[in-house]
Amino acid sequence: KDACRELMSSKLFMKLLEAVLKTGNRMNVGTARGGAMAFKLDTLLKLADVKGADGKTTLLHFVVQEMTRSQKSPTRAAEGTDIGTGLAAELTNVKKTATVDLDVLTTSVSSLSQGISRIKELVGSGLSGDERNGRFVAFMAPFVSHAEEVIRELEDGERRVLGHVRDITEYYHGDVGKDEASPLRIFVIVRDFLGMLERVCKEVRGVKNFHAWNPVPNNV
C-alpha cells in the first residue's frame, strides 16, 4: 500500500517520466511514434539500450543531463545528477515490494484460513465428550474465535492491497488484462530501473562533459 502511494506521489518520478516522454517525442518527430501522450513503464528499461553516435552515451544519460540542465539554480543543478539517489529515497517501499513473492504470501494466508477451519471443525465436534478432550475444547474455543477474526482481517487486507496494486498498474499501464505476468511486476520494473538510473547518475557525475548526444537511427 505504501509502495502504491509512493508511485502516485513522487514528484521527482513524475518529472523523470515527463522528461523521458519529451525526449522520445523529440527523437521521433515526424514519425508514427511522434506526439505520444504516454508510454508503458517497461519502456524505462530500454533507455540504456539506445546509444548515441559515440557508442557510449545512452538515452538515459541524455535524460539525466536534460533534467540536470533544467534546474533553476547551480545548487539545484548539482542535485540534478543525484536523481537516482533522490528517487531511491522516495521509492523505498517500491524497492521492498519488488522482492515480495506474492504467490507465497497468498498461499500462506489461504493455508492459515484452511487450518483454522479444520481446528474449528475439530473443536466443534466436542471430541466425543471425553473430559480431557472437553478441557481442550474449552481452552481452544476462544482461540478459534480470535483467530478467525484475525484471518478475516488478513484476507480483507489482502483484497484491499491487491486493489491498490491493480489501480496503480492501470494508472501507468492502462487496462490490465489477465496476461499480466505478475500483479507486482510494476514494482519490479521500477526497482530495476532505479538500479540503472543510479549507475548512470554516477557516470554523469564522474564526467564533466559528455559528448553532445546524437541517437543512432537504427537503435531507435
N, C-alpha and C. Protein backbone atom coordinates (compact mmCIF):
# COMPACT_ATOMS: atom_id res chain seq x y z
N LYS A 1 0.84 -1.20 0.00
CA LYS A 1 0.00 0.00 0.00
C LYS A 1 0.87 1.24 0.00
N ASP A 2 1.93 1.22 0.81
CA ASP A 2 2.86 2.35 0.85
C ASP A 2 3.59 2.50 -0.48
N ALA A 3 3.93 1.38 -1.11
CA ALA A 3 4.61 1.42 -2.41
C ALA A 3 3.71 2.07 -3.46
N CYS A 4 2.44 1.74 -3.45
CA CYS A 4 1.49 2.36 -4.39
C CYS A 4 1.40 3.85 -4.14
N ARG A 5 1.37 4.23 -2.88
CA ARG A 5 1.28 5.66 -2.54
C ARG A 5 2.53 6.40 -3.02
N GLU A 6 3.69 5.77 -2.87
CA GLU A 6 4.93 6.40 -3.32
C GLU A 6 4.93 6.64 -4.82
N LEU A 7 4.48 5.66 -5.58
CA LEU A 7 4.46 5.82 -7.04
C LEU A 7 3.50 6.91 -7.49
N MET A 8 2.45 7.11 -6.72
CA MET A 8 1.46 8.14 -7.07
C MET A 8 1.89 9.53 -6.64
N SER A 9 2.72 9.64 -5.59
CA SER A 9 3.01 10.95 -5.00
C SER A 9 4.41 11.48 -5.29
N SER A 10 5.29 10.66 -5.87
CA SER A 10 6.67 11.10 -6.11
C SER A 10 6.72 12.12 -7.25
N LYS A 11 6.98 13.37 -6.93
CA LYS A 11 7.07 14.42 -7.95
C LYS A 11 8.31 14.22 -8.82
N LEU A 12 9.38 13.73 -8.21
CA LEU A 12 10.61 13.50 -8.97
C LEU A 12 10.41 12.40 -10.02
N PHE A 13 9.65 11.37 -9.64
CA PHE A 13 9.37 10.29 -10.59
C PHE A 13 8.54 10.82 -11.75
N MET A 14 7.57 11.67 -11.45
CA MET A 14 6.73 12.26 -12.50
C MET A 14 7.56 13.13 -13.43
N LYS A 15 8.49 13.91 -12.87
CA LYS A 15 9.36 14.76 -13.70
C LYS A 15 10.23 13.90 -14.62
N LEU A 16 10.70 12.79 -14.09
CA LEU A 16 11.53 11.90 -14.89
C LEU A 16 10.72 11.32 -16.05
N LEU A 17 9.51 10.87 -15.76
CA LEU A 17 8.66 10.31 -16.81
C LEU A 17 8.36 11.36 -17.88
N GLU A 18 8.13 12.58 -17.43
CA GLU A 18 7.86 13.68 -18.37
C GLU A 18 9.07 13.92 -19.27
N ALA A 19 10.27 13.88 -18.67
CA ALA A 19 11.50 14.10 -19.44
C ALA A 19 11.69 12.98 -20.46
N VAL A 20 11.39 11.73 -20.07
CA VAL A 20 11.52 10.61 -20.99
C VAL A 20 10.54 10.75 -22.14
N LEU A 21 9.30 11.13 -21.84
CA LEU A 21 8.28 11.29 -22.87
C LEU A 21 8.66 12.39 -23.86
N LYS A 22 9.12 13.53 -23.34
CA LYS A 22 9.52 14.63 -24.21
C LYS A 22 10.70 14.24 -25.10
N THR A 23 11.66 13.54 -24.52
CA THR A 23 12.83 13.12 -25.28
C THR A 23 12.43 12.16 -26.39
N GLY A 24 11.57 11.21 -26.06
CA GLY A 24 11.11 10.25 -27.06
C GLY A 24 10.38 10.93 -28.20
N ASN A 25 9.56 11.92 -27.88
CA ASN A 25 8.82 12.64 -28.92
C ASN A 25 9.75 13.48 -29.80
N ARG A 26 10.79 14.03 -29.18
CA ARG A 26 11.76 14.80 -29.97
C ARG A 26 12.51 13.90 -30.94
N MET A 27 12.85 12.72 -30.48
CA MET A 27 13.57 11.77 -31.33
C MET A 27 12.71 11.27 -32.48
N ASN A 28 11.42 11.13 -32.22
CA ASN A 28 10.53 10.51 -33.20
C ASN A 28 9.64 11.51 -33.93
N VAL A 29 10.00 12.79 -33.86
CA VAL A 29 9.19 13.80 -34.54
C VAL A 29 9.10 13.48 -36.03
N GLY A 30 7.89 13.60 -36.58
CA GLY A 30 7.68 13.31 -37.99
C GLY A 30 7.43 11.85 -38.30
N THR A 31 7.45 11.01 -37.25
CA THR A 31 7.18 9.58 -37.46
C THR A 31 5.87 9.21 -36.77
N ALA A 32 5.46 7.97 -36.97
CA ALA A 32 4.21 7.50 -36.36
C ALA A 32 4.31 7.47 -34.84
N ARG A 33 5.55 7.40 -34.32
CA ARG A 33 5.73 7.35 -32.87
C ARG A 33 5.78 8.73 -32.23
N GLY A 34 5.89 9.76 -33.06
CA GLY A 34 5.97 11.12 -32.52
C GLY A 34 4.64 11.56 -31.94
N GLY A 35 4.70 12.52 -31.02
CA GLY A 35 3.49 13.06 -30.42
C GLY A 35 2.80 12.12 -29.46
N ALA A 36 3.54 11.17 -28.90
CA ALA A 36 2.95 10.22 -27.95
C ALA A 36 2.50 10.95 -26.69
N MET A 37 1.40 10.48 -26.11
CA MET A 37 0.87 11.07 -24.89
C MET A 37 1.31 10.29 -23.64
N ALA A 38 1.78 9.08 -23.85
CA ALA A 38 2.16 8.24 -22.70
C ALA A 38 3.01 7.07 -23.19
N PHE A 39 3.55 6.32 -22.23
CA PHE A 39 4.29 5.10 -22.55
C PHE A 39 4.21 4.16 -21.35
N LYS A 40 4.39 2.88 -21.61
CA LYS A 40 4.36 1.92 -20.50
C LYS A 40 5.69 1.95 -19.77
N LEU A 41 5.64 1.66 -18.47
CA LEU A 41 6.84 1.79 -17.64
C LEU A 41 7.97 0.85 -18.06
N ASP A 42 7.65 -0.29 -18.67
CA ASP A 42 8.74 -1.19 -19.05
C ASP A 42 9.63 -0.58 -20.13
N THR A 43 9.16 0.52 -20.76
CA THR A 43 9.99 1.26 -21.71
C THR A 43 11.22 1.83 -21.02
N LEU A 44 11.11 2.13 -19.72
CA LEU A 44 12.23 2.69 -18.98
C LEU A 44 13.45 1.77 -19.01
N LEU A 45 13.20 0.47 -19.03
CA LEU A 45 14.30 -0.49 -19.02
C LEU A 45 15.06 -0.53 -20.34
N LYS A 46 14.49 0.09 -21.37
CA LYS A 46 15.13 0.08 -22.69
C LYS A 46 15.96 1.33 -22.95
N LEU A 47 15.90 2.30 -22.04
CA LEU A 47 16.58 3.58 -22.27
C LEU A 47 18.10 3.42 -22.38
N ALA A 48 18.64 2.45 -21.65
CA ALA A 48 20.08 2.25 -21.68
C ALA A 48 20.52 1.49 -22.94
N ASP A 49 19.56 0.95 -23.70
CA ASP A 49 19.90 0.21 -24.92
C ASP A 49 20.04 1.14 -26.13
N VAL A 50 19.44 2.32 -26.04
CA VAL A 50 19.51 3.28 -27.16
C VAL A 50 20.75 4.13 -26.97
N LYS A 51 21.75 3.93 -27.85
CA LYS A 51 23.03 4.60 -27.70
C LYS A 51 23.23 5.71 -28.72
N GLY A 52 24.03 6.71 -28.32
CA GLY A 52 24.34 7.82 -29.21
C GLY A 52 25.42 7.44 -30.20
N ALA A 53 25.83 8.44 -30.99
CA ALA A 53 26.82 8.20 -32.04
C ALA A 53 28.17 7.76 -31.48
N ASP A 54 28.47 8.14 -30.22
CA ASP A 54 29.76 7.76 -29.65
C ASP A 54 29.78 6.32 -29.16
N GLY A 55 28.63 5.67 -29.18
CA GLY A 55 28.56 4.28 -28.77
C GLY A 55 28.60 4.07 -27.27
N LYS A 56 28.71 5.13 -26.50
CA LYS A 56 28.81 5.02 -25.04
C LYS A 56 27.64 5.70 -24.34
N THR A 57 27.37 6.93 -24.75
CA THR A 57 26.29 7.69 -24.13
C THR A 57 24.94 7.12 -24.54
N THR A 58 24.09 6.86 -23.57
CA THR A 58 22.78 6.28 -23.86
C THR A 58 21.68 7.33 -23.71
N LEU A 59 20.50 6.93 -24.11
CA LEU A 59 19.35 7.82 -23.97
C LEU A 59 19.11 8.17 -22.50
N LEU A 60 19.41 7.25 -21.61
CA LEU A 60 19.23 7.52 -20.19
C LEU A 60 20.21 8.58 -19.71
N HIS A 61 21.46 8.55 -20.21
CA HIS A 61 22.43 9.60 -19.90
C HIS A 61 21.86 10.95 -20.32
N PHE A 62 21.29 10.99 -21.51
CA PHE A 62 20.76 12.24 -22.05
C PHE A 62 19.61 12.77 -21.19
N VAL A 63 18.72 11.89 -20.77
CA VAL A 63 17.59 12.30 -19.93
C VAL A 63 18.09 12.89 -18.62
N VAL A 64 19.09 12.24 -18.01
CA VAL A 64 19.66 12.75 -16.76
C VAL A 64 20.29 14.12 -16.97
N GLN A 65 21.02 14.27 -18.09
CA GLN A 65 21.64 15.56 -18.40
C GLN A 65 20.59 16.65 -18.59
N GLU A 66 19.53 16.31 -19.31
CA GLU A 66 18.47 17.29 -19.56
C GLU A 66 17.78 17.71 -18.27
N MET A 67 17.54 16.76 -17.38
CA MET A 67 16.92 17.10 -16.10
C MET A 67 17.85 17.95 -15.26
N THR A 68 19.16 17.69 -15.36
CA THR A 68 20.15 18.49 -14.63
C THR A 68 20.14 19.92 -15.13
N ARG A 69 20.13 20.09 -16.45
CA ARG A 69 20.15 21.43 -17.04
C ARG A 69 18.88 22.22 -16.73
N SER A 70 17.79 21.51 -16.49
CA SER A 70 16.51 22.18 -16.25
C SER A 70 16.41 22.78 -14.85
N GLN A 71 17.36 22.44 -13.97
CA GLN A 71 17.35 23.00 -12.62
C GLN A 71 17.58 24.51 -12.69
N LYS A 72 16.94 25.24 -11.81
CA LYS A 72 16.93 26.70 -11.90
C LYS A 72 18.14 27.38 -11.26
N SER A 73 18.87 26.67 -10.42
CA SER A 73 20.00 27.30 -9.74
C SER A 73 21.18 26.35 -9.76
N PRO A 74 22.42 26.86 -9.59
CA PRO A 74 23.60 25.98 -9.55
C PRO A 74 23.49 24.90 -8.50
N THR A 75 22.92 25.27 -7.34
CA THR A 75 22.79 24.28 -6.27
C THR A 75 21.87 23.15 -6.68
N ARG A 76 20.72 23.52 -7.25
CA ARG A 76 19.77 22.51 -7.68
C ARG A 76 20.29 21.75 -8.89
N ALA A 77 21.10 22.41 -9.69
CA ALA A 77 21.68 21.73 -10.84
C ALA A 77 22.61 20.62 -10.38
N ALA A 78 23.35 20.91 -9.30
CA ALA A 78 24.24 19.89 -8.75
C ALA A 78 23.43 18.72 -8.22
N GLU A 79 22.24 19.03 -7.68
CA GLU A 79 21.39 17.98 -7.16
C GLU A 79 20.80 17.14 -8.29
N GLY A 80 20.76 17.71 -9.49
CA GLY A 80 20.15 17.02 -10.60
C GLY A 80 20.82 15.71 -10.92
N THR A 81 22.13 15.64 -10.75
CA THR A 81 22.83 14.39 -11.03
C THR A 81 22.59 13.36 -9.93
N ASP A 82 21.89 13.75 -8.87
CA ASP A 82 21.54 12.82 -7.80
C ASP A 82 20.10 12.37 -7.93
N ILE A 83 19.58 12.41 -9.13
CA ILE A 83 18.21 11.99 -9.37
C ILE A 83 18.01 10.55 -8.88
N GLY A 84 18.98 9.69 -9.19
CA GLY A 84 18.87 8.29 -8.78
C GLY A 84 18.79 8.13 -7.28
N THR A 85 19.65 8.86 -6.56
CA THR A 85 19.64 8.78 -5.10
C THR A 85 18.33 9.33 -4.54
N GLY A 86 17.87 10.46 -5.12
CA GLY A 86 16.63 11.07 -4.66
C GLY A 86 15.43 10.16 -4.87
N LEU A 87 15.37 9.55 -6.03
CA LEU A 87 14.25 8.64 -6.32
C LEU A 87 14.29 7.40 -5.44
N ALA A 88 15.49 6.87 -5.22
CA ALA A 88 15.63 5.69 -4.37
C ALA A 88 15.10 5.98 -2.96
N ALA A 89 15.33 7.22 -2.50
CA ALA A 89 14.86 7.62 -1.16
C ALA A 89 13.34 7.77 -1.14
N GLU A 90 12.78 8.25 -2.26
CA GLU A 90 11.33 8.47 -2.31
C GLU A 90 10.56 7.17 -2.55
N LEU A 91 11.22 6.18 -3.12
CA LEU A 91 10.54 4.94 -3.51
C LEU A 91 11.08 3.72 -2.75
N THR A 92 11.38 3.91 -1.48
CA THR A 92 11.95 2.81 -0.69
C THR A 92 11.01 1.61 -0.59
N ASN A 93 9.72 1.86 -0.42
CA ASN A 93 8.78 0.75 -0.30
C ASN A 93 8.51 0.08 -1.64
N VAL A 94 8.72 0.83 -2.72
CA VAL A 94 8.60 0.22 -4.05
C VAL A 94 9.68 -0.85 -4.21
N LYS A 95 10.89 -0.52 -3.80
CA LYS A 95 12.01 -1.47 -3.91
C LYS A 95 11.76 -2.68 -3.00
N LYS A 96 11.20 -2.46 -1.81
CA LYS A 96 10.92 -3.57 -0.91
C LYS A 96 9.83 -4.48 -1.48
N THR A 97 8.79 -3.86 -2.03
CA THR A 97 7.67 -4.63 -2.58
C THR A 97 8.10 -5.48 -3.76
N ALA A 98 9.09 -5.01 -4.50
CA ALA A 98 9.58 -5.76 -5.66
C ALA A 98 10.16 -7.11 -5.25
N THR A 99 10.56 -7.26 -3.99
CA THR A 99 11.15 -8.51 -3.51
C THR A 99 10.11 -9.48 -2.96
N VAL A 100 8.87 -9.04 -2.86
CA VAL A 100 7.81 -9.87 -2.27
C VAL A 100 7.39 -10.96 -3.26
N ASP A 101 7.30 -12.18 -2.77
CA ASP A 101 6.76 -13.28 -3.58
C ASP A 101 5.27 -13.37 -3.28
N LEU A 102 4.47 -12.81 -4.18
CA LEU A 102 3.03 -12.72 -3.93
C LEU A 102 2.38 -14.10 -3.82
N ASP A 103 2.85 -15.06 -4.60
CA ASP A 103 2.29 -16.41 -4.54
C ASP A 103 2.47 -17.01 -3.15
N VAL A 104 3.65 -16.83 -2.59
CA VAL A 104 3.92 -17.35 -1.24
C VAL A 104 3.02 -16.65 -0.22
N LEU A 105 2.86 -15.36 -0.39
CA LEU A 105 2.05 -14.58 0.55
C LEU A 105 0.59 -15.03 0.53
N THR A 106 0.02 -15.12 -0.67
CA THR A 106 -1.39 -15.51 -0.77
C THR A 106 -1.60 -16.96 -0.34
N THR A 107 -0.62 -17.82 -0.65
CA THR A 107 -0.73 -19.22 -0.22
C THR A 107 -0.69 -19.33 1.29
N SER A 108 0.13 -18.50 1.92
CA SER A 108 0.23 -18.52 3.39
C SER A 108 -1.10 -18.12 4.03
N VAL A 109 -1.71 -17.07 3.50
CA VAL A 109 -3.00 -16.62 4.04
C VAL A 109 -4.06 -17.70 3.84
N SER A 110 -4.05 -18.32 2.66
CA SER A 110 -5.01 -19.38 2.37
C SER A 110 -4.81 -20.58 3.30
N SER A 111 -3.55 -20.93 3.54
CA SER A 111 -3.24 -22.06 4.42
C SER A 111 -3.71 -21.80 5.85
N LEU A 112 -3.53 -20.57 6.32
CA LEU A 112 -3.99 -20.20 7.65
C LEU A 112 -5.51 -20.34 7.74
N SER A 113 -6.20 -19.89 6.70
CA SER A 113 -7.66 -19.97 6.69
C SER A 113 -8.13 -21.41 6.71
N GLN A 114 -7.50 -22.26 5.91
CA GLN A 114 -7.88 -23.68 5.88
C GLN A 114 -7.55 -24.36 7.21
N GLY A 115 -6.41 -23.98 7.79
CA GLY A 115 -6.01 -24.57 9.07
C GLY A 115 -6.98 -24.25 10.19
N ILE A 116 -7.41 -23.00 10.27
CA ILE A 116 -8.33 -22.62 11.35
C ILE A 116 -9.70 -23.25 11.13
N SER A 117 -10.06 -23.50 9.87
CA SER A 117 -11.33 -24.17 9.58
C SER A 117 -11.31 -25.60 10.10
N ARG A 118 -10.17 -26.26 9.94
CA ARG A 118 -10.04 -27.64 10.43
C ARG A 118 -10.08 -27.68 11.96
N ILE A 119 -9.38 -26.70 12.59
CA ILE A 119 -9.40 -26.65 14.06
C ILE A 119 -10.81 -26.37 14.57
N LYS A 120 -11.52 -25.46 13.89
CA LYS A 120 -12.89 -25.12 14.28
C LYS A 120 -13.79 -26.34 14.19
N GLU A 121 -13.61 -27.11 13.12
CA GLU A 121 -14.41 -28.33 12.96
C GLU A 121 -14.10 -29.33 14.06
N LEU A 122 -12.83 -29.46 14.42
CA LEU A 122 -12.42 -30.38 15.48
C LEU A 122 -12.98 -29.95 16.82
N VAL A 123 -12.86 -28.66 17.13
CA VAL A 123 -13.37 -28.15 18.41
C VAL A 123 -14.89 -28.25 18.46
N GLY A 124 -15.52 -28.00 17.31
CA GLY A 124 -16.99 -28.04 17.26
C GLY A 124 -17.55 -29.43 17.47
N SER A 125 -16.75 -30.43 17.20
CA SER A 125 -17.23 -31.81 17.37
C SER A 125 -17.28 -32.22 18.84
N GLY A 126 -16.63 -31.43 19.72
CA GLY A 126 -16.62 -31.75 21.14
C GLY A 126 -15.71 -32.92 21.46
N LEU A 127 -15.04 -33.46 20.45
CA LEU A 127 -14.10 -34.57 20.64
C LEU A 127 -14.72 -35.72 21.43
N SER A 128 -15.95 -36.08 21.05
CA SER A 128 -16.65 -37.26 21.60
C SER A 128 -16.99 -37.15 23.07
N GLY A 129 -16.96 -35.94 23.65
CA GLY A 129 -17.42 -35.75 25.01
C GLY A 129 -16.47 -36.22 26.09
N ASP A 130 -15.27 -36.64 25.75
CA ASP A 130 -14.28 -37.05 26.75
C ASP A 130 -13.91 -35.86 27.62
N GLU A 131 -13.74 -36.09 28.95
CA GLU A 131 -13.49 -34.99 29.88
C GLU A 131 -12.20 -34.25 29.55
N ARG A 132 -11.15 -35.00 29.28
CA ARG A 132 -9.87 -34.38 28.97
C ARG A 132 -9.97 -33.58 27.66
N ASN A 133 -10.61 -34.21 26.69
CA ASN A 133 -10.82 -33.51 25.42
C ASN A 133 -11.72 -32.29 25.60
N GLY A 134 -12.66 -32.40 26.52
CA GLY A 134 -13.56 -31.28 26.79
C GLY A 134 -12.80 -30.07 27.29
N ARG A 135 -11.78 -30.31 28.14
CA ARG A 135 -10.97 -29.19 28.64
C ARG A 135 -10.20 -28.54 27.48
N PHE A 136 -9.72 -29.40 26.57
CA PHE A 136 -9.01 -28.89 25.40
C PHE A 136 -9.95 -28.02 24.54
N VAL A 137 -11.17 -28.50 24.35
CA VAL A 137 -12.16 -27.75 23.57
C VAL A 137 -12.45 -26.40 24.22
N ALA A 138 -12.63 -26.41 25.55
CA ALA A 138 -12.92 -25.16 26.26
C ALA A 138 -11.76 -24.18 26.15
N PHE A 139 -10.55 -24.72 26.14
CA PHE A 139 -9.35 -23.87 26.03
C PHE A 139 -9.21 -23.29 24.63
N MET A 140 -9.51 -24.10 23.60
CA MET A 140 -9.29 -23.71 22.22
C MET A 140 -10.39 -22.83 21.65
N ALA A 141 -11.60 -22.92 22.19
CA ALA A 141 -12.74 -22.19 21.62
C ALA A 141 -12.47 -20.68 21.52
N PRO A 142 -11.97 -20.03 22.60
CA PRO A 142 -11.69 -18.59 22.48
C PRO A 142 -10.60 -18.30 21.44
N PHE A 143 -9.60 -19.20 21.36
CA PHE A 143 -8.54 -19.01 20.37
C PHE A 143 -9.10 -19.05 18.95
N VAL A 144 -9.97 -20.03 18.70
CA VAL A 144 -10.57 -20.17 17.37
C VAL A 144 -11.34 -18.90 17.01
N SER A 145 -12.09 -18.39 17.94
CA SER A 145 -12.88 -17.18 17.70
C SER A 145 -11.96 -16.00 17.35
N HIS A 146 -10.89 -15.84 18.13
CA HIS A 146 -9.95 -14.75 17.89
C HIS A 146 -9.20 -14.94 16.56
N ALA A 147 -8.77 -16.19 16.32
CA ALA A 147 -8.01 -16.47 15.10
C ALA A 147 -8.84 -16.23 13.86
N GLU A 148 -10.11 -16.59 13.90
CA GLU A 148 -11.00 -16.36 12.75
C GLU A 148 -11.09 -14.87 12.43
N GLU A 149 -11.17 -14.05 13.45
CA GLU A 149 -11.25 -12.60 13.24
C GLU A 149 -9.96 -12.07 12.62
N VAL A 150 -8.82 -12.54 13.13
CA VAL A 150 -7.53 -12.10 12.60
C VAL A 150 -7.37 -12.51 11.14
N ILE A 151 -7.76 -13.73 10.82
CA ILE A 151 -7.63 -14.21 9.44
C ILE A 151 -8.56 -13.45 8.50
N ARG A 152 -9.76 -13.11 8.98
CA ARG A 152 -10.66 -12.29 8.16
C ARG A 152 -10.02 -10.94 7.85
N GLU A 153 -9.35 -10.38 8.86
CA GLU A 153 -8.66 -9.10 8.65
C GLU A 153 -7.53 -9.25 7.63
N LEU A 154 -6.80 -10.38 7.72
CA LEU A 154 -5.73 -10.64 6.75
C LEU A 154 -6.29 -10.74 5.34
N GLU A 155 -7.38 -11.48 5.18
CA GLU A 155 -7.99 -11.66 3.86
C GLU A 155 -8.53 -10.34 3.32
N ASP A 156 -9.15 -9.55 4.19
CA ASP A 156 -9.65 -8.23 3.77
C ASP A 156 -8.49 -7.33 3.37
N GLY A 157 -7.42 -7.38 4.17
CA GLY A 157 -6.24 -6.57 3.86
C GLY A 157 -5.62 -6.97 2.54
N GLU A 158 -5.57 -8.29 2.29
CA GLU A 158 -5.03 -8.79 1.03
C GLU A 158 -5.84 -8.27 -0.15
N ARG A 159 -7.17 -8.31 -0.04
CA ARG A 159 -8.03 -7.82 -1.13
C ARG A 159 -7.85 -6.32 -1.35
N ARG A 160 -7.74 -5.57 -0.26
CA ARG A 160 -7.58 -4.12 -0.39
C ARG A 160 -6.24 -3.77 -1.05
N VAL A 161 -5.18 -4.45 -0.60
CA VAL A 161 -3.85 -4.17 -1.14
C VAL A 161 -3.78 -4.52 -2.63
N LEU A 162 -4.34 -5.67 -3.00
CA LEU A 162 -4.33 -6.06 -4.41
C LEU A 162 -5.17 -5.09 -5.24
N GLY A 163 -6.19 -4.51 -4.62
CA GLY A 163 -6.97 -3.48 -5.29
C GLY A 163 -6.13 -2.25 -5.56
N HIS A 164 -5.32 -1.84 -4.58
CA HIS A 164 -4.41 -0.70 -4.77
C HIS A 164 -3.40 -1.00 -5.88
N VAL A 165 -2.88 -2.22 -5.88
CA VAL A 165 -1.90 -2.61 -6.91
C VAL A 165 -2.55 -2.56 -8.29
N ARG A 166 -3.77 -3.06 -8.40
CA ARG A 166 -4.48 -3.03 -9.68
C ARG A 166 -4.70 -1.58 -10.15
N ASP A 167 -5.05 -0.71 -9.21
CA ASP A 167 -5.30 0.70 -9.56
C ASP A 167 -4.02 1.37 -10.04
N ILE A 168 -2.91 1.15 -9.35
CA ILE A 168 -1.66 1.82 -9.74
C ILE A 168 -1.15 1.26 -11.07
N THR A 169 -1.38 -0.04 -11.30
CA THR A 169 -0.96 -0.65 -12.57
C THR A 169 -1.79 -0.09 -13.72
N GLU A 170 -3.09 0.06 -13.50
CA GLU A 170 -3.95 0.63 -14.54
C GLU A 170 -3.62 2.10 -14.78
N TYR A 171 -3.19 2.79 -13.73
CA TYR A 171 -2.84 4.20 -13.86
C TYR A 171 -1.65 4.37 -14.81
N TYR A 172 -0.68 3.47 -14.69
CA TYR A 172 0.54 3.58 -15.50
C TYR A 172 0.49 2.76 -16.79
N HIS A 173 -0.28 1.65 -16.78
CA HIS A 173 -0.27 0.75 -17.93
C HIS A 173 -1.60 0.65 -18.66
N GLY A 174 -2.60 1.40 -18.21
CA GLY A 174 -3.90 1.28 -18.86
C GLY A 174 -4.65 0.06 -18.36
N ASP A 175 -5.55 -0.44 -19.19
CA ASP A 175 -6.37 -1.58 -18.81
C ASP A 175 -5.50 -2.81 -18.58
N VAL A 176 -5.65 -3.41 -17.42
CA VAL A 176 -4.83 -4.57 -17.06
C VAL A 176 -5.61 -5.84 -17.35
N GLY A 177 -5.07 -6.69 -18.21
CA GLY A 177 -5.73 -7.94 -18.55
C GLY A 177 -5.14 -9.11 -17.80
N LYS A 178 -5.63 -10.29 -18.09
CA LYS A 178 -5.17 -11.50 -17.41
C LYS A 178 -3.76 -11.89 -17.85
N ASP A 179 -3.28 -11.25 -18.94
CA ASP A 179 -1.96 -11.61 -19.43
C ASP A 179 -0.83 -10.98 -18.63
N GLU A 180 -1.19 -10.14 -17.65
CA GLU A 180 -0.18 -9.52 -16.80
C GLU A 180 0.56 -10.62 -16.05
N ALA A 181 1.88 -10.68 -16.24
CA ALA A 181 2.68 -11.78 -15.69
C ALA A 181 2.53 -11.89 -14.18
N SER A 182 2.61 -10.78 -13.49
CA SER A 182 2.50 -10.77 -12.03
C SER A 182 1.92 -9.43 -11.60
N PRO A 183 1.00 -9.44 -10.63
CA PRO A 183 0.42 -8.18 -10.16
C PRO A 183 1.47 -7.19 -9.65
N LEU A 184 2.61 -7.72 -9.17
CA LEU A 184 3.65 -6.85 -8.61
C LEU A 184 4.73 -6.50 -9.62
N ARG A 185 4.52 -6.82 -10.88
CA ARG A 185 5.55 -6.61 -11.90
C ARG A 185 5.93 -5.13 -12.02
N ILE A 186 4.98 -4.24 -11.83
CA ILE A 186 5.26 -2.81 -11.96
C ILE A 186 6.33 -2.37 -10.98
N PHE A 187 6.34 -2.96 -9.79
CA PHE A 187 7.33 -2.59 -8.78
C PHE A 187 8.71 -3.14 -9.15
N VAL A 188 8.73 -4.32 -9.76
CA VAL A 188 9.99 -4.91 -10.22
C VAL A 188 10.60 -4.05 -11.31
N ILE A 189 9.76 -3.56 -12.23
CA ILE A 189 10.24 -2.69 -13.31
C ILE A 189 10.88 -1.44 -12.73
N VAL A 190 10.19 -0.79 -11.80
CA VAL A 190 10.71 0.45 -11.22
C VAL A 190 11.99 0.19 -10.44
N ARG A 191 12.04 -0.91 -9.68
CA ARG A 191 13.26 -1.23 -8.93
C ARG A 191 14.45 -1.43 -9.86
N ASP A 192 14.25 -2.20 -10.93
CA ASP A 192 15.34 -2.45 -11.87
C ASP A 192 15.78 -1.16 -12.55
N PHE A 193 14.81 -0.31 -12.86
CA PHE A 193 15.15 0.97 -13.49
C PHE A 193 15.94 1.86 -12.54
N LEU A 194 15.57 1.86 -11.27
CA LEU A 194 16.29 2.67 -10.29
C LEU A 194 17.76 2.26 -10.21
N GLY A 195 18.01 0.95 -10.31
CA GLY A 195 19.40 0.48 -10.31
C GLY A 195 20.16 1.02 -11.51
N MET A 196 19.53 1.00 -12.68
CA MET A 196 20.15 1.56 -13.89
C MET A 196 20.39 3.05 -13.73
N LEU A 197 19.39 3.73 -13.19
CA LEU A 197 19.45 5.19 -13.07
C LEU A 197 20.58 5.62 -12.14
N GLU A 198 20.73 4.93 -11.02
CA GLU A 198 21.79 5.29 -10.07
C GLU A 198 23.16 5.11 -10.70
N ARG A 199 23.35 4.06 -11.50
CA ARG A 199 24.63 3.86 -12.17
C ARG A 199 24.92 4.97 -13.18
N VAL A 200 23.90 5.35 -13.94
CA VAL A 200 24.07 6.41 -14.94
C VAL A 200 24.36 7.75 -14.27
N CYS A 201 23.68 8.03 -13.16
CA CYS A 201 23.92 9.29 -12.44
C CYS A 201 25.36 9.36 -11.94
N LYS A 202 25.90 8.25 -11.48
CA LYS A 202 27.30 8.22 -11.04
C LYS A 202 28.23 8.50 -12.20
N GLU A 203 27.91 7.95 -13.37
CA GLU A 203 28.73 8.18 -14.54
C GLU A 203 28.68 9.65 -14.97
N VAL A 204 27.49 10.24 -14.91
CA VAL A 204 27.34 11.65 -15.29
C VAL A 204 28.10 12.54 -14.31
N ARG A 205 28.06 12.20 -13.03
CA ARG A 205 28.82 12.98 -12.03
C ARG A 205 30.31 12.87 -12.27
N GLY A 206 30.74 11.70 -12.74
CA GLY A 206 32.17 11.46 -12.91
C GLY A 206 32.76 12.04 -14.18
N VAL A 207 31.90 12.45 -15.12
CA VAL A 207 32.39 13.02 -16.39
C VAL A 207 31.81 14.41 -16.55
N LYS A 208 32.68 15.41 -16.61
CA LYS A 208 32.21 16.79 -16.66
C LYS A 208 31.50 17.10 -17.97
N ASN A 209 32.05 16.61 -19.06
CA ASN A 209 31.48 16.96 -20.36
C ASN A 209 31.25 15.71 -21.20
N PHE A 210 29.99 15.31 -21.29
CA PHE A 210 29.65 14.26 -22.23
C PHE A 210 29.57 14.85 -23.63
N HIS A 211 29.84 14.03 -24.63
CA HIS A 211 29.67 14.50 -26.00
C HIS A 211 28.19 14.78 -26.24
N ALA A 212 27.91 15.72 -27.14
CA ALA A 212 26.51 16.01 -27.46
C ALA A 212 25.85 14.71 -27.91
N TRP A 213 24.70 14.42 -27.35
CA TRP A 213 24.05 13.15 -27.61
C TRP A 213 23.36 13.17 -28.96
N ASN A 214 23.70 12.20 -29.78
CA ASN A 214 23.14 12.11 -31.11
C ASN A 214 22.73 10.65 -31.35
N PRO A 215 21.42 10.37 -31.31
CA PRO A 215 20.99 8.97 -31.42
C PRO A 215 21.29 8.37 -32.78
N VAL A 216 21.66 7.11 -32.75
CA VAL A 216 21.86 6.37 -33.99
C VAL A 216 20.49 5.90 -34.45
N PRO A 217 20.00 6.32 -35.62
CA PRO A 217 18.65 5.98 -36.07
C PRO A 217 18.30 4.50 -35.99
N ASN A 218 19.27 3.62 -36.31
CA ASN A 218 18.96 2.19 -36.29
C ASN A 218 18.68 1.66 -34.89
N ASN A 219 19.10 2.40 -33.87
CA ASN A 219 18.89 1.93 -32.50
C ASN A 219 17.57 2.44 -31.91
N VAL A 220 16.92 3.35 -32.61
CA VAL A 220 15.72 3.97 -32.04
C VAL A 220 14.54 3.02 -32.17
